[in-house]
């Protein structure tokens, strides 16, 4: 079942002239709909770049640009639609105090939080939406950090796929399993580090 899914994802992402646009859409949409398999898509495209099917440069550009656009869409949602959310969820004194805490936390540690959240499933949506909700300044406190996070994340995913593709050049399923295994180990290590901090 899992191998059939990976095979299908491999065909879908590289059997089209629209591959880079599809990758961009997955990465942009993931910030708003975290169920989209954007990280898997980046890894698969990195693997296909190692096999000569795609350009690694365009995989990196498409993934990073999509991630950046998606994070900004989530921020805009928090900023422009968040008032309704704020009225419903933050109407009591205790809730307003939590919102002020979130605002202060993002102002103090915004850069670090955005970089770390980019690698946590669902974390990027929560932090970027909240940043818009508390009206964190875009040019100085939000934009540069999510741009850096998007580039790092895209590079991480594409290079893991690329490495797997180089090791198992003629066996794409083994390459995918290796790449996803590495991503899981790195993700678990990051989560363990975060919990101990």
C-alpha atoms as a PDB file:
ATOM      1  CA  UNK A   1       0.000   0.000   0.000  1.00  0.00           C
ATOM      2  CA  UNK A   2       2.714   2.506   1.011  1.00  0.00           C
ATOM      3  CA  UNK A   3       4.876   1.485  -1.960  1.00  0.00           C
ATOM      4  CA  UNK A   4       1.935   1.976  -4.339  1.00  0.00           C
ATOM      5  CA  UNK A   5       1.367   5.466  -2.894  1.00  0.00           C
ATOM      6  CA  UNK A   6       5.046   6.364  -3.313  1.00  0.00           C
ATOM      7  CA  UNK A   7       5.043   5.024  -6.864  1.00  0.00           C
ATOM      8  CA  UNK A   8       1.932   7.056  -7.669  1.00  0.00           C
ATOM      9  CA  UNK A   9       3.416  10.200  -6.122  1.00  0.00           C
ATOM     10  CA  UNK A  10       6.609   9.678  -8.123  1.00  0.00           C
ATOM     11  CA  UNK A  11       4.656   9.364 -11.381  1.00  0.00           C
ATOM     12  CA  UNK A  12       2.359  12.279 -10.580  1.00  0.00           C
ATOM     13  CA  UNK A  13       5.171  14.671  -9.718  1.00  0.00           C
ATOM     14  CA  UNK A  14       7.457  13.872 -12.621  1.00  0.00           C
ATOM     15  CA  UNK A  15       5.181  12.693 -15.377  1.00  0.00           C
ATOM     16  CA  UNK A  16       3.896  16.177 -16.147  1.00  0.00           C
ATOM     17  CA  UNK A  17       5.130  19.302 -17.867  1.00  0.00           C
ATOM     18  CA  UNK A  18       3.595  21.140 -14.932  1.00  0.00           C
ATOM     19  CA  UNK A  19       5.782  19.485 -12.265  1.00  0.00           C
ATOM     20  CA  UNK A  20       7.344  22.683 -10.905  1.00  0.00           C
ATOM     21  CA  UNK A  21       3.962  24.427 -10.742  1.00  0.00           C
ATOM     22  CA  UNK A  22       2.436  21.386  -8.982  1.00  0.00           C
ATOM     23  CA  UNK A  23       5.312  21.414  -6.479  1.00  0.00           C
ATOM     24  CA  UNK A  24       4.824  25.162  -5.918  1.00  0.00           C
ATOM     25  CA  UNK A  25       1.086  24.604  -5.320  1.00  0.00           C
ATOM     26  CA  UNK A  26       1.689  21.765  -2.827  1.00  0.00           C
ATOM     27  CA  UNK A  27       4.171  23.873  -0.861  1.00  0.00           C
ATOM     28  CA  UNK A  28       1.966  26.975  -0.893  1.00  0.00           C
ATOM     29  CA  UNK A  29      -1.205  25.077  -0.020  1.00  0.00           C
ATOM     30  CA  UNK A  30       0.411  23.202   2.867  1.00  0.00           C
ATOM     31  CA  UNK A  31       0.594  26.373   4.986  1.00  0.00           C
ATOM     32  CA  UNK A  32      -3.186  26.685   4.805  1.00  0.00           C
ATOM     33  CA  UNK A  33      -4.100  22.964   4.482  1.00  0.00           C
ATOM     34  CA  UNK A  34      -1.429  21.048   6.450  1.00  0.00           C
ATOM     35  CA  UNK A  35      -2.722  17.712   5.091  1.00  0.00           C
ATOM     36  CA  UNK A  36      -1.057  18.367   1.720  1.00  0.00           C
ATOM     37  CA  UNK A  37       2.107  16.235   1.417  1.00  0.00           C
ATOM     38  CA  UNK A  38       4.452  19.111   0.594  1.00  0.00           C
ATOM     39  CA  UNK A  39       7.532  17.668   2.282  1.00  0.00           C
ATOM     40  CA  UNK A  40       7.009  14.346   0.488  1.00  0.00           C
ATOM     41  CA  UNK A  41       6.628  16.214  -2.805  1.00  0.00           C
ATOM     42  CA  UNK A  42       9.898  18.097  -2.275  1.00  0.00           C
ATOM     43  CA  UNK A  43      11.735  14.872  -1.395  1.00  0.00           C
ATOM     44  CA  UNK A  44      10.333  13.072  -4.455  1.00  0.00           C
ATOM     45  CA  UNK A  45      11.300  15.953  -6.742  1.00  0.00           C
ATOM     46  CA  UNK A  46      14.803  16.009  -5.218  1.00  0.00           C
ATOM     47  CA  UNK A  47      15.072  12.287  -5.916  1.00  0.00           C
ATOM     48  CA  UNK A  48      14.001  12.826  -9.518  1.00  0.00           C
ATOM     49  CA  UNK A  49      16.572  15.601  -9.863  1.00  0.00           C
ATOM     50  CA  UNK A  50      19.265  13.098  -8.864  1.00  0.00           C
ATOM     51  CA  UNK A  51      18.011  10.790 -11.604  1.00  0.00           C
ATOM     52  CA  UNK A  52      18.183  13.576 -14.200  1.00  0.00           C
ATOM     53  CA  UNK A  53      14.407  13.880 -14.571  1.00  0.00           C
ATOM     54  CA  UNK A  54      14.164  17.367 -13.027  1.00  0.00           C
ATOM     55  CA  UNK A  55      16.399  20.364 -12.377  1.00  0.00           C
ATOM     56  CA  UNK A  56      17.530  20.548  -8.742  1.00  0.00           C
ATOM     57  CA  UNK A  57      17.691  24.347  -8.994  1.00  0.00           C
ATOM     58  CA  UNK A  58      14.080  24.601 -10.156  1.00  0.00           C
ATOM     59  CA  UNK A  59      12.958  22.121  -7.485  1.00  0.00           C
ATOM     60  CA  UNK A  60      14.561  24.352  -4.831  1.00  0.00           C
ATOM     61  CA  UNK A  61      13.115  27.557  -6.303  1.00  0.00           C
ATOM     62  CA  UNK A  62       9.598  26.097  -6.697  1.00  0.00           C
ATOM     63  CA  UNK A  63       9.498  24.622  -3.191  1.00  0.00           C
ATOM     64  CA  UNK A  64      10.945  27.686  -1.441  1.00  0.00           C
ATOM     65  CA  UNK A  65       8.719  30.113  -3.367  1.00  0.00           C
ATOM     66  CA  UNK A  66       5.637  27.998  -2.635  1.00  0.00           C
ATOM     67  CA  UNK A  67       6.484  27.761   1.061  1.00  0.00           C
ATOM     68  CA  UNK A  68       7.049  31.529   1.280  1.00  0.00           C
ATOM     69  CA  UNK A  69       3.779  32.337  -0.506  1.00  0.00           C
ATOM     70  CA  UNK A  70       1.880  29.856   1.689  1.00  0.00           C
ATOM     71  CA  UNK A  71       3.288  31.281   4.913  1.00  0.00           C
ATOM     72  CA  UNK A  72       2.288  34.767   3.783  1.00  0.00           C
ATOM     73  CA  UNK A  73      -1.214  33.564   2.903  1.00  0.00           C
ATOM     74  CA  UNK A  74      -1.567  32.135   6.412  1.00  0.00           C
ATOM     75  CA  UNK A  75      -0.248  35.405   7.893  1.00  0.00           C
ATOM     76  CA  UNK A  76      -2.753  37.390   5.785  1.00  0.00           C
ATOM     77  CA  UNK A  77      -5.539  35.092   6.978  1.00  0.00           C
ATOM     78  CA  UNK A  78      -4.623  35.825  10.585  1.00  0.00           C
ATOM     79  CA  UNK A  79      -4.286  39.532   9.969  1.00  0.00           C
ATOM     80  CA  UNK A  80      -7.393  40.161   7.882  1.00  0.00           C
ATOM     81  CA  UNK A  81      -9.758  37.359   8.930  1.00  0.00           C
ATOM     82  CA  UNK A  82      -8.409  36.833  12.420  1.00  0.00           C
ATOM     83  CA  UNK A  83     -10.606  39.498  14.026  1.00  0.00           C
ATOM     84  CA  UNK A  84     -13.557  37.085  13.899  1.00  0.00           C
ATOM     85  CA  UNK A  85     -11.403  34.345  15.393  1.00  0.00           C
ATOM     86  CA  UNK A  86     -10.143  36.737  18.046  1.00  0.00           C
ATOM     87  CA  UNK A  87     -13.690  37.821  18.996  1.00  0.00           C
ATOM     88  CA  UNK A  88     -14.799  34.212  19.399  1.00  0.00           C
ATOM     89  CA  UNK A  89     -11.750  32.719  21.078  1.00  0.00           C
ATOM     90  CA  UNK A  90     -10.184  35.621  22.964  1.00  0.00           C
ATOM     91  CA  UNK A  91     -13.093  37.511  24.511  1.00  0.00           C
ATOM     92  CA  UNK A  92     -12.354  36.821  28.206  1.00  0.00           C
ATOM     93  CA  UNK A  93      -9.650  38.434  30.344  1.00  0.00           C
ATOM     94  CA  UNK A  94      -7.702  35.173  30.555  1.00  0.00           C
ATOM     95  CA  UNK A  95      -7.875  34.642  26.794  1.00  0.00           C
ATOM     96  CA  UNK A  96      -6.747  38.220  26.117  1.00  0.00           C
ATOM     97  CA  UNK A  97      -3.818  37.652  28.464  1.00  0.00           C
ATOM     98  CA  UNK A  98      -2.837  34.553  26.438  1.00  0.00           C
ATOM     99  CA  UNK A  99      -3.030  36.573  23.234  1.00  0.00           C
ATOM    100  CA  UNK A 100      -0.757  39.237  24.713  1.00  0.00           C
ATOM    101  CA  UNK A 101       1.651  36.503  25.795  1.00  0.00           C
ATOM    102  CA  UNK A 102       1.693  35.098  22.227  1.00  0.00           C
ATOM    103  CA  UNK A 103       2.335  38.571  20.870  1.00  0.00           C
ATOM    104  CA  UNK A 104       5.266  39.119  23.236  1.00  0.00           C
ATOM    105  CA  UNK A 105       6.642  35.637  22.572  1.00  0.00           C
ATOM    106  CA  UNK A 106       6.581  36.161  18.804  1.00  0.00           C
ATOM    107  CA  UNK A 107       8.188  39.584  19.147  1.00  0.00           C
ATOM    108  CA  UNK A 108      10.962  38.226  21.361  1.00  0.00           C
ATOM    109  CA  UNK A 109      11.601  34.945  19.567  1.00  0.00           C
ATOM    110  CA  UNK A 110       9.871  35.354  16.222  1.00  0.00           C
ATOM    111  CA  UNK A 111      12.824  34.434  14.036  1.00  0.00           C
ATOM    112  CA  UNK A 112      13.644  31.283  15.976  1.00  0.00           C
ATOM    113  CA  UNK A 113       9.987  30.242  16.193  1.00  0.00           C
ATOM    114  CA  UNK A 114       9.383  30.643  12.447  1.00  0.00           C
ATOM    115  CA  UNK A 115      12.523  28.683  11.583  1.00  0.00           C
ATOM    116  CA  UNK A 116      11.642  25.794  13.905  1.00  0.00           C
ATOM    117  CA  UNK A 117       7.917  25.762  13.062  1.00  0.00           C
ATOM    118  CA  UNK A 118       8.684  25.310   9.359  1.00  0.00           C
ATOM    119  CA  UNK A 119       9.928  21.783  10.166  1.00  0.00           C
ATOM    120  CA  UNK A 120       6.993  20.814  12.422  1.00  0.00           C
ATOM    121  CA  UNK A 121       3.865  19.486  10.637  1.00  0.00           C
ATOM    122  CA  UNK A 122       1.065  21.960  11.320  1.00  0.00           C
ATOM    123  CA  UNK A 123       3.441  24.192  13.292  1.00  0.00           C
ATOM    124  CA  UNK A 124       3.997  26.594  10.434  1.00  0.00           C
ATOM    125  CA  UNK A 125       0.260  27.185  10.051  1.00  0.00           C
ATOM    126  CA  UNK A 126      -0.240  27.912  13.750  1.00  0.00           C
ATOM    127  CA  UNK A 127       2.689  30.309  14.039  1.00  0.00           C
ATOM    128  CA  UNK A 128       2.153  32.187  10.791  1.00  0.00           C
ATOM    129  CA  UNK A 129      -1.587  32.604  11.398  1.00  0.00           C
ATOM    130  CA  UNK A 130      -0.934  33.777  14.957  1.00  0.00           C
ATOM    131  CA  UNK A 131       1.696  36.231  13.702  1.00  0.00           C
ATOM    132  CA  UNK A 132      -0.949  37.805  11.475  1.00  0.00           C
ATOM    133  CA  UNK A 133      -3.529  37.717  14.249  1.00  0.00           C
ATOM    134  CA  UNK A 134      -1.271  39.653  16.653  1.00  0.00           C
ATOM    135  CA  UNK A 135      -0.197  41.955  13.780  1.00  0.00           C
ATOM    136  CA  UNK A 136       3.489  41.174  13.970  1.00  0.00           C
ATOM    137  CA  UNK A 137       5.316  43.658  11.746  1.00  0.00           C
ATOM    138  CA  UNK A 138       5.792  42.053   8.315  1.00  0.00           C
ATOM    139  CA  UNK A 139       8.917  43.846   7.009  1.00  0.00           C
ATOM    140  CA  UNK A 140      11.068  43.387  10.095  1.00  0.00           C
ATOM    141  CA  UNK A 141       9.607  40.631  12.265  1.00  0.00           C
ATOM    142  CA  UNK A 142       7.946  38.228   9.834  1.00  0.00           C
ATOM    143  CA  UNK A 143       8.895  38.395   6.138  1.00  0.00           C
ATOM    144  CA  UNK A 144      12.683  37.922   6.371  1.00  0.00           C
ATOM    145  CA  UNK A 145      12.382  35.026   8.812  1.00  0.00           C
ATOM    146  CA  UNK A 146       9.794  33.057   6.875  1.00  0.00           C
ATOM    147  CA  UNK A 147      11.835  33.610   3.704  1.00  0.00           C
ATOM    148  CA  UNK A 148      14.914  32.133   5.403  1.00  0.00           C
ATOM    149  CA  UNK A 149      12.798  29.283   6.819  1.00  0.00           C
ATOM    150  CA  UNK A 150      11.308  28.519   3.385  1.00  0.00           C
ATOM    151  CA  UNK A 151      14.741  28.385   1.737  1.00  0.00           C
ATOM    152  CA  UNK A 152      16.189  26.159   4.487  1.00  0.00           C
ATOM    153  CA  UNK A 153      13.185  23.828   4.417  1.00  0.00           C
ATOM    154  CA  UNK A 154      13.199  23.502   0.620  1.00  0.00           C
ATOM    155  CA  UNK A 155      16.952  22.855   0.610  1.00  0.00           C
ATOM    156  CA  UNK A 156      16.625  20.250   3.361  1.00  0.00           C
ATOM    157  CA  UNK A 157      13.826  18.324   1.590  1.00  0.00           C
ATOM    158  CA  UNK A 158      15.314  18.518  -1.895  1.00  0.00           C
ATOM    159  CA  UNK A 159      18.807  17.494  -0.778  1.00  0.00           C
ATOM    160  CA  UNK A 160      17.516  14.543   1.240  1.00  0.00           C
ATOM    161  CA  UNK A 161      15.687  13.345  -1.866  1.00  0.00           C
ATOM    162  CA  UNK A 162      18.718  14.093  -4.027  1.00  0.00           C
ATOM    163  CA  UNK A 163      21.008  12.130  -1.691  1.00  0.00           C
ATOM    164  CA  UNK A 164      18.615   9.162  -1.698  1.00  0.00           C
ATOM    165  CA  UNK A 165      18.401   9.334  -5.487  1.00  0.00           C
ATOM    166  CA  UNK A 166      22.183   9.282  -5.838  1.00  0.00           C
ATOM    167  CA  UNK A 167      22.590   6.299  -3.518  1.00  0.00           C
ATOM    168  CA  UNK A 168      19.861   4.216  -5.215  1.00  0.00           C
ATOM    169  CA  UNK A 169      19.899   5.684  -8.704  1.00  0.00           C
ATOM    170  CA  UNK A 170      18.236   2.700 -10.415  1.00  0.00           C
ATOM    171  CA  UNK A 171      15.840   1.804  -7.596  1.00  0.00           C
ATOM    172  CA  UNK A 172      13.610   4.819  -6.932  1.00  0.00           C
ATOM    173  CA  UNK A 173      11.474   3.078  -4.300  1.00  0.00           C
ATOM    174  CA  UNK A 174      14.552   2.281  -2.179  1.00  0.00           C
ATOM    175  CA  UNK A 175      15.727   5.854  -2.720  1.00  0.00           C
ATOM    176  CA  UNK A 176      12.387   7.155  -1.450  1.00  0.00           C
ATOM    177  CA  UNK A 177      12.459   4.865   1.574  1.00  0.00           C
ATOM    178  CA  UNK A 178      15.995   6.016   2.416  1.00  0.00           C
ATOM    179  CA  UNK A 179      15.058   9.687   1.958  1.00  0.00           C
ATOM    180  CA  UNK A 180      11.894   9.397   4.065  1.00  0.00           C
ATOM    181  CA  UNK A 181      13.817   7.434   6.700  1.00  0.00           C
ATOM    182  CA  UNK A 182      16.438  10.194   6.912  1.00  0.00           C
ATOM    183  CA  UNK A 183      13.715  12.851   7.100  1.00  0.00           C
ATOM    184  CA  UNK A 184      11.971  10.931   9.913  1.00  0.00           C
ATOM    185  CA  UNK A 185      15.226  10.556  11.881  1.00  0.00           C
ATOM    186  CA  UNK A 186      16.093  14.238  11.479  1.00  0.00           C
ATOM    187  CA  UNK A 187      12.533  15.262  12.364  1.00  0.00           C
ATOM    188  CA  UNK A 188      12.493  13.037  15.453  1.00  0.00           C
ATOM    189  CA  UNK A 189      15.887  14.384  16.510  1.00  0.00           C
ATOM    190  CA  UNK A 190      14.661  17.965  16.130  1.00  0.00           C
ATOM    191  CA  UNK A 191      11.502  17.219  18.102  1.00  0.00           C
ATOM    192  CA  UNK A 192      13.524  15.522  20.862  1.00  0.00           C
ATOM    193  CA  UNK A 193      15.833  18.550  21.029  1.00  0.00           C
ATOM    194  CA  UNK A 194      12.845  20.921  21.165  1.00  0.00           C
ATOM    195  CA  UNK A 195      11.261  18.939  24.021  1.00  0.00           C
ATOM    196  CA  UNK A 196      14.455  18.883  26.058  1.00  0.00           C
ATOM    197  CA  UNK A 197      14.809  22.655  25.645  1.00  0.00           C
END
